[in-house]
Amino acid sequence: METLEGNTAAAPIRTAVVGFGVSGKVFHAPLISAQSAFSLDVIVTADPGRAAEAAQLYPQARIVPTPEALFALAGDLDLVVLGTPPLMHFDLAATAIAHGLHVVVDKPFVTTAAHGAELIARASDAGVKLTVFQNRRWDADFLTLQELLRVGALGEVRSFESRFEWWRPEGFGNWRDTAAASDGGGMLNDLGAHLIDQAIQLFGPVAESNGETANHGHPDGADTEAFVSLLHESGVRSRLWMNGMAAKVGPRFHVLGSRAGYTKWGLDSQEPALATGMTPSDPAYGVDPEDSWGRIGVDGATQPVPAKRGAYPEFYTRLAAAIRGQGPLPVDPEESLNVLKVIENIRAFAQA
């Protein structure tokens, strides 16, 4: 593989996306195609309907049915993006690394912290970039909260509540409904990978963690809801909820500080926008409507906080720079490894 580091000609980073379900179709393929730094050269899917759709949406891409067919083309690629169920992540990432390819792994990173540490070591030995798609670091509401904390608008933060909740009693209709926790299934692995990562980004390393899980769905599946409590070394307490069967949802963020509180309702708009075909170049992309803005203040005296624009494309902008030797990775895989360690500790606590 021809190296791209220091390449002043800035040749497009030749990319393959493995999987064309929600992850590949809604997130990775549109975000990659929107950036001139990348070319979307290969899409891997064995499903005939998805293959036909991928060919229609991305006629420049070669559609192949298996990872084996993909790796046969490794000499013509620079980057592999894994949008597959987590049980497949380790083997596929290890194979990509062995072929000298850079790798993006969707979250949850892998099924065990030991596998995560092994992949990080292999990538380092091979001299390739390995990162994890923690896209929720670029949610509009998360960026807004980061800015409030940066300027000290809340004073000393004491309590942070964060939720991903919705009402979907019928389930996802995919592997998430039946995958066991040991296979990377369950709300704690899936959504917890986002919520725990966000909490650590905001308030620093975790000193203590505990939690609860429950399964109200498929008997062979993992948890359909989870609660996590984190005590950060900074002294902040994070309380995190994830639930796919919430008939009434709570606030997305509820943050209490010594000077003010901040409450935000509703999920970020980027995923539904991408799902409808909106591109990141659309002026409306990532813009939260005013009626969904969070509010800051004390009871009886709050005011809306204009939302920063959501920025999922930033992940791939930073990745391109990192691959070309011009900046750090968008997500250090060691940070996702730390999230996995917290999840493993919470599962052990919940089962004790």
Protein backbone atom coordinates (compact mmCIF):
# COMPACT_ATOMS: atom_id res chain seq x y z
CA MET A 1 0.00 0.00 0.00
CA GLU A 2 1.39 3.40 -0.95
CA THR A 3 1.75 5.56 2.14
CA LEU A 4 -0.28 8.75 2.35
CA GLU A 5 1.67 10.36 5.18
CA GLY A 6 3.26 13.57 4.03
CA ASN A 7 1.66 13.23 0.61
CA THR A 8 1.47 16.81 -0.59
CA ALA A 9 -0.62 15.77 -3.58
CA ALA A 10 -3.36 14.79 -1.11
CA ALA A 11 -4.55 11.80 -3.09
CA PRO A 12 -7.97 10.61 -1.95
CA ILE A 13 -7.89 8.04 0.85
CA ARG A 14 -9.21 4.90 -0.83
CA THR A 15 -11.90 3.54 1.47
CA ALA A 16 -14.00 0.42 1.93
CA VAL A 17 -17.12 0.24 4.10
CA VAL A 18 -17.99 -3.18 5.51
CA GLY A 19 -21.72 -3.50 6.14
CA PHE A 20 -24.57 -1.49 4.66
CA GLY A 21 -27.11 -1.54 7.46
CA VAL A 22 -27.75 1.49 9.66
CA SER A 23 -24.07 2.07 10.39
CA GLY A 24 -22.77 1.82 6.83
CA LYS A 25 -25.73 3.28 4.98
CA VAL A 26 -26.81 6.10 7.33
CA PHE A 27 -23.50 7.18 8.81
CA HIS A 28 -20.28 6.09 7.14
CA ALA A 29 -21.05 6.05 3.42
CA PRO A 30 -22.69 9.53 3.37
CA LEU A 31 -20.03 11.10 5.58
CA ILE A 32 -17.17 9.61 3.56
CA SER A 33 -18.76 10.59 0.23
CA ALA A 34 -19.21 14.16 1.43
CA GLN A 35 -15.45 14.67 1.87
CA SER A 36 -13.05 15.15 -1.00
CA ALA A 37 -10.24 13.71 1.12
CA PHE A 38 -11.80 10.24 0.68
CA SER A 39 -13.01 8.06 -2.15
CA LEU A 40 -15.60 5.39 -1.44
CA ASP A 41 -14.22 2.51 -3.50
CA VAL A 42 -15.72 -0.66 -2.00
CA ILE A 43 -18.90 -1.56 -0.10
CA VAL A 44 -19.28 -5.01 1.43
CA THR A 45 -22.75 -6.50 1.87
CA ALA A 46 -24.11 -9.98 1.24
CA ASP A 47 -27.74 -8.85 1.23
CA PRO A 48 -29.00 -8.54 -2.39
CA GLY A 49 -31.40 -5.70 -1.59
CA ARG A 50 -28.74 -3.70 0.23
CA ALA A 51 -26.24 -4.41 -2.53
CA ALA A 52 -28.64 -3.04 -5.13
CA GLU A 53 -29.29 0.07 -3.05
CA ALA A 54 -25.57 0.62 -2.45
CA ALA A 55 -24.89 0.33 -6.18
CA GLN A 56 -27.61 2.87 -6.94
CA LEU A 57 -26.47 5.36 -4.31
CA TYR A 58 -22.72 4.96 -4.93
CA PRO A 59 -22.22 3.89 -8.56
CA GLN A 60 -18.48 4.56 -8.32
CA ALA A 61 -18.08 1.93 -5.60
CA ARG A 62 -17.42 -1.73 -6.17
CA ILE A 63 -19.99 -3.88 -4.32
CA VAL A 64 -18.62 -7.18 -3.02
CA PRO A 65 -20.40 -9.82 -0.92
CA THR A 66 -17.77 -10.86 1.61
CA PRO A 67 -14.82 -9.52 3.62
CA GLU A 68 -12.66 -12.08 1.82
CA ALA A 69 -13.50 -10.40 -1.49
CA LEU A 70 -12.66 -7.05 0.09
CA PHE A 71 -9.25 -8.13 1.37
CA ALA A 72 -8.41 -9.51 -2.04
CA LEU A 73 -8.51 -5.85 -3.11
CA ALA A 74 -6.37 -4.62 -0.20
CA GLY A 75 -3.59 -3.42 -2.47
CA ASP A 76 -5.95 -0.83 -3.96
CA LEU A 77 -7.18 0.48 -0.59
CA ASP A 78 -5.96 2.61 2.31
CA LEU A 79 -8.78 2.46 4.87
CA VAL A 80 -11.40 -0.04 6.02
CA VAL A 81 -14.48 1.11 7.97
CA LEU A 82 -16.27 -1.59 9.97
CA GLY A 83 -20.01 -1.07 10.29
CA THR A 84 -20.71 -4.67 11.29
CA PRO A 85 -22.08 -6.26 14.48
CA PRO A 86 -19.46 -5.99 17.27
CA LEU A 87 -18.82 -9.75 17.39
CA MET A 88 -17.11 -9.37 14.00
CA HIS A 89 -15.01 -6.34 14.87
CA PHE A 90 -11.90 -8.02 16.27
CA ASP A 91 -11.33 -10.51 13.46
CA LEU A 92 -12.07 -8.02 10.68
CA ALA A 93 -9.95 -5.27 12.22
CA ALA A 94 -7.07 -7.68 12.85
CA THR A 95 -7.21 -8.85 9.23
CA ALA A 96 -7.29 -5.28 7.93
CA ILE A 97 -4.30 -4.38 10.09
CA ALA A 98 -2.42 -7.44 8.82
CA HIS A 99 -3.00 -6.13 5.28
CA GLY A 100 -1.51 -2.75 6.23
CA LEU A 101 -4.81 -0.91 6.14
CA HIS A 102 -5.98 1.85 8.45
CA VAL A 103 -9.16 0.96 10.36
CA VAL A 104 -12.26 2.70 11.69
CA VAL A 105 -14.27 0.48 14.03
CA ASP A 106 -17.84 1.41 14.87
CA LYS A 107 -18.77 1.36 18.52
CA PRO A 108 -18.92 -0.70 20.61
CA PHE A 109 -15.22 -1.09 19.85
CA VAL A 110 -14.94 -4.85 20.46
CA THR A 111 -16.56 -7.35 22.83
CA THR A 112 -13.80 -7.36 25.46
CA ALA A 113 -11.17 -4.95 26.74
CA ALA A 114 -8.53 -7.63 26.13
CA HIS A 115 -9.44 -7.69 22.43
CA GLY A 116 -9.30 -3.90 22.32
CA ALA A 117 -5.81 -3.83 23.83
CA GLU A 118 -4.69 -6.51 21.36
CA LEU A 119 -5.93 -4.50 18.35
CA ILE A 120 -4.23 -1.33 19.60
CA ALA A 121 -0.95 -3.21 19.96
CA ARG A 122 -1.27 -4.78 16.51
CA ALA A 123 -2.02 -1.44 14.85
CA SER A 124 0.97 0.14 16.56
CA ASP A 125 3.27 -2.68 15.45
CA ALA A 126 1.95 -2.45 11.88
CA GLY A 127 2.25 1.34 11.74
CA VAL A 128 -1.40 1.87 10.78
CA LYS A 129 -4.07 4.12 12.25
CA LEU A 130 -6.85 2.58 14.36
CA THR A 131 -9.75 4.63 15.65
CA VAL A 132 -13.32 4.20 16.91
CA PHE A 133 -16.41 5.98 15.57
CA GLN A 134 -17.53 7.82 18.71
CA ASN A 135 -19.60 10.20 16.60
CA ARG A 136 -21.66 11.46 19.54
CA ARG A 137 -18.74 13.67 20.52
CA TRP A 138 -20.02 15.87 17.68
CA ASP A 139 -23.70 15.99 18.63
CA ALA A 140 -25.04 19.56 18.66
CA ASP A 141 -26.15 19.36 22.29
CA PHE A 142 -22.87 17.82 23.44
CA LEU A 143 -20.84 20.54 21.71
CA THR A 144 -23.12 23.15 23.30
CA LEU A 145 -22.64 21.68 26.77
CA GLN A 146 -18.89 21.50 26.25
CA GLU A 147 -18.87 25.21 25.50
CA LEU A 148 -20.95 26.03 28.60
CA LEU A 149 -18.47 24.10 30.72
CA ARG A 150 -15.52 25.76 29.03
CA VAL A 151 -16.73 29.25 29.92
CA GLY A 152 -17.85 28.24 33.44
CA ALA A 153 -21.49 29.15 32.85
CA LEU A 154 -22.74 26.54 35.35
CA GLY A 155 -20.15 27.18 38.03
CA GLU A 156 -18.78 24.05 39.70
CA VAL A 157 -20.62 21.08 38.22
CA ARG A 158 -21.85 18.61 40.82
CA SER A 159 -24.24 16.31 38.97
CA PHE A 160 -24.54 15.25 35.34
CA GLU A 161 -27.51 13.28 34.00
CA SER A 162 -27.55 11.96 30.44
CA ARG A 163 -30.08 9.79 28.61
CA PHE A 164 -30.62 7.96 25.36
CA GLU A 165 -34.24 6.84 25.59
CA TRP A 166 -37.02 6.13 23.14
CA TRP A 167 -40.17 4.05 22.77
CA ARG A 168 -39.52 1.08 20.51
CA PRO A 169 -41.11 -1.97 22.19
CA GLU A 170 -40.92 -3.98 18.96
CA GLY A 171 -37.10 -3.78 19.06
CA PHE A 172 -34.62 -2.79 16.37
CA GLY A 173 -35.42 -5.54 13.90
CA ASN A 174 -31.75 -6.51 13.59
CA TRP A 175 -28.92 -8.25 15.48
CA ARG A 176 -29.34 -5.90 18.44
CA ASP A 177 -32.53 -7.68 19.50
CA THR A 178 -30.93 -11.09 20.01
CA ALA A 179 -27.18 -10.58 20.53
CA ALA A 180 -25.94 -11.63 23.96
CA ALA A 181 -23.89 -9.26 26.08
CA SER A 182 -20.84 -11.48 25.45
CA ASP A 183 -21.31 -10.81 21.72
CA GLY A 184 -21.43 -7.04 22.22
CA GLY A 185 -25.23 -6.89 22.49
CA GLY A 186 -27.36 -4.89 24.90
CA MET A 187 -28.05 -1.25 25.61
CA LEU A 188 -25.08 -0.98 27.96
CA ASN A 189 -22.65 -2.00 25.21
CA ASP A 190 -24.42 -0.14 22.42
CA LEU A 191 -25.60 3.17 23.87
CA GLY A 192 -23.43 2.97 26.96
CA ALA A 193 -20.40 3.22 24.69
CA HIS A 194 -21.64 6.69 23.73
CA LEU A 195 -22.91 7.93 27.08
CA ILE A 196 -19.90 6.78 29.10
CA ASP A 197 -17.52 8.20 26.49
CA GLN A 198 -19.31 11.57 26.59
CA ALA A 199 -19.22 11.67 30.40
CA ILE A 200 -15.49 10.95 30.47
CA GLN A 201 -14.85 13.57 27.79
CA LEU A 202 -16.69 16.14 29.90
CA PHE A 203 -15.54 15.30 33.42
CA GLY A 204 -12.46 13.13 33.20
CA PRO A 205 -11.42 9.64 34.30
CA VAL A 206 -13.71 7.40 36.35
CA ALA A 207 -12.80 6.56 39.95
CA GLU A 208 -15.84 4.40 40.75
CA SER A 209 -18.58 2.83 38.63
CA ASN A 210 -21.68 0.76 39.23
CA GLY A 211 -24.96 0.13 37.49
CA GLU A 212 -28.07 -1.92 36.80
CA THR A 213 -29.30 -3.78 33.72
CA ALA A 214 -32.63 -5.39 32.77
CA ASN A 215 -33.96 -7.32 29.79
CA HIS A 216 -37.60 -6.85 28.79
CA GLY A 217 -37.15 -8.05 25.20
CA HIS A 218 -36.05 -11.23 23.46
CA PRO A 219 -35.23 -13.94 26.04
CA ASP A 220 -31.94 -14.74 24.30
CA GLY A 221 -30.94 -11.09 24.00
CA ALA A 222 -29.08 -8.82 26.37
CA ASP A 223 -30.26 -5.79 28.35
CA THR A 224 -32.94 -3.53 26.89
CA GLU A 225 -32.31 -0.91 29.54
CA ALA A 226 -29.43 0.06 31.77
CA PHE A 227 -28.50 2.61 34.42
CA VAL A 228 -24.91 3.65 35.12
CA SER A 229 -23.49 5.73 37.95
CA LEU A 230 -19.96 7.09 37.61
CA LEU A 231 -17.92 9.00 40.15
CA HIS A 232 -15.23 10.89 38.28
CA GLU A 233 -11.85 11.67 39.77
CA SER A 234 -12.88 15.32 39.39
CA GLY A 235 -15.66 14.76 41.96
CA VAL A 236 -18.54 15.03 39.46
CA ARG A 237 -21.20 12.31 39.64
CA SER A 238 -22.58 11.14 36.26
CA ARG A 239 -25.88 9.26 36.11
CA LEU A 240 -26.61 7.70 32.75
CA TRP A 241 -29.79 6.02 31.46
CA MET A 242 -30.24 4.03 28.24
CA ASN A 243 -33.61 2.51 27.39
CA GLY A 244 -35.28 1.42 24.15
CA MET A 245 -38.63 0.81 25.83
CA ALA A 246 -39.25 4.13 27.56
CA ALA A 247 -42.91 5.09 27.19
CA LYS A 248 -42.01 8.55 28.57
CA VAL A 249 -38.47 9.81 28.06
CA GLY A 250 -36.46 11.98 30.40
CA PRO A 251 -34.28 14.97 29.46
CA ARG A 252 -31.32 14.31 27.21
CA PHE A 253 -29.09 16.32 29.57
CA HIS A 254 -29.74 17.63 33.06
CA VAL A 255 -26.66 19.27 34.59
CA LEU A 256 -26.52 20.94 38.00
CA GLY A 257 -23.77 23.33 39.02
CA SER A 258 -23.07 25.78 41.83
CA ARG A 259 -24.23 28.73 39.73
CA ALA A 260 -26.88 27.34 37.35
CA GLY A 261 -28.41 24.27 35.81
CA TYR A 262 -28.79 23.23 32.17
CA THR A 263 -31.53 20.99 30.79
CA LYS A 264 -31.91 19.79 27.21
CA TRP A 265 -34.67 17.59 25.77
CA GLY A 266 -34.59 15.53 22.59
CA LEU A 267 -31.91 13.72 20.59
CA ASP A 268 -29.49 15.21 18.08
CA SER A 269 -30.91 15.73 14.59
CA GLN A 270 -28.00 14.44 12.47
CA GLU A 271 -28.88 10.74 12.36
CA PRO A 272 -32.48 11.27 11.18
CA ALA A 273 -31.27 13.89 8.70
CA LEU A 274 -28.72 11.50 7.19
CA ALA A 275 -31.33 8.73 7.14
CA THR A 276 -33.59 10.87 4.95
CA GLY A 277 -30.76 11.55 2.50
CA MET A 278 -29.73 15.02 3.66
CA THR A 279 -26.05 15.62 2.98
CA PRO A 280 -23.64 17.40 5.34
CA SER A 281 -23.30 20.18 2.75
CA ASP A 282 -26.96 21.13 3.20
CA PRO A 283 -27.21 24.43 5.14
CA ALA A 284 -29.82 22.83 7.40
CA TYR A 285 -27.62 19.88 8.32
CA GLY A 286 -26.76 19.72 12.04
CA VAL A 287 -28.85 22.78 12.90
CA ASP A 288 -31.17 22.19 15.85
CA PRO A 289 -34.44 24.17 15.74
CA GLU A 290 -34.87 26.84 18.37
CA ASP A 291 -37.71 24.98 20.08
CA SER A 292 -35.29 22.15 20.92
CA TRP A 293 -32.57 24.30 22.47
CA GLY A 294 -31.59 23.62 26.06
CA ARG A 295 -32.19 26.12 28.84
CA ILE A 296 -29.81 27.46 31.47
CA GLY A 297 -30.44 29.21 34.77
CA VAL A 298 -32.31 28.52 38.00
CA ASP A 299 -35.97 27.69 38.46
CA GLY A 300 -38.11 30.66 37.49
CA ALA A 301 -35.27 32.36 35.64
CA THR A 302 -34.00 30.30 32.71
CA GLN A 303 -33.09 31.27 29.17
CA PRO A 304 -32.50 29.28 25.97
CA VAL A 305 -28.96 28.44 24.90
CA PRO A 306 -28.46 28.56 21.11
CA ALA A 307 -27.27 25.15 19.99
CA LYS A 308 -23.94 24.77 18.26
CA ARG A 309 -24.14 23.08 14.90
CA GLY A 310 -23.81 19.29 14.93
CA ALA A 311 -20.62 18.16 13.25
CA TYR A 312 -20.32 14.44 12.51
CA PRO A 313 -18.21 15.22 9.39
CA GLU A 314 -15.50 16.46 11.76
CA PHE A 315 -14.64 12.84 12.58
CA TYR A 316 -13.58 12.16 9.00
CA THR A 317 -11.93 15.56 8.58
CA ARG A 318 -9.68 14.75 11.52
CA LEU A 319 -9.13 11.19 10.37
CA ALA A 320 -7.88 12.38 6.98
CA ALA A 321 -5.41 14.69 8.69
CA ALA A 322 -4.22 11.88 10.98
CA ILE A 323 -3.72 9.43 8.11
CA ARG A 324 -1.69 12.09 6.28
CA GLY A 325 0.45 12.71 9.34
CA GLN A 326 -1.02 16.15 9.97
CA GLY A 327 -2.82 15.73 13.29
CA PRO A 328 -4.06 13.34 15.99
CA LEU A 329 -6.74 10.72 15.50
CA PRO A 330 -10.32 11.94 15.97
CA VAL A 331 -10.74 9.33 18.72
CA ASP A 332 -7.80 7.76 20.53
CA PRO A 333 -8.63 4.02 20.71
CA GLU A 334 -7.20 3.96 24.23
CA GLU A 335 -10.17 6.14 25.24
CA SER A 336 -12.63 3.62 23.81
CA LEU A 337 -10.68 0.87 25.58
CA ASN A 338 -11.21 2.73 28.86
CA VAL A 339 -14.95 2.87 28.13
CA LEU A 340 -14.93 -0.90 27.58
CA LYS A 341 -13.23 -1.40 30.94
CA VAL A 342 -15.94 0.67 32.64
CA ILE A 343 -18.66 -1.36 30.89
CA GLU A 344 -17.04 -4.63 31.97
CA ASN A 345 -16.87 -3.39 35.55
CA ILE A 346 -20.54 -2.36 35.49
CA ARG A 347 -21.60 -5.74 34.11
CA ALA A 348 -19.64 -7.47 36.86
CA PHE A 349 -21.27 -5.19 39.45
CA ALA A 350 -24.78 -5.74 38.03
CA GLN A 351 -24.34 -9.52 38.05
CA ALA A 352 -22.84 -9.70 41.54
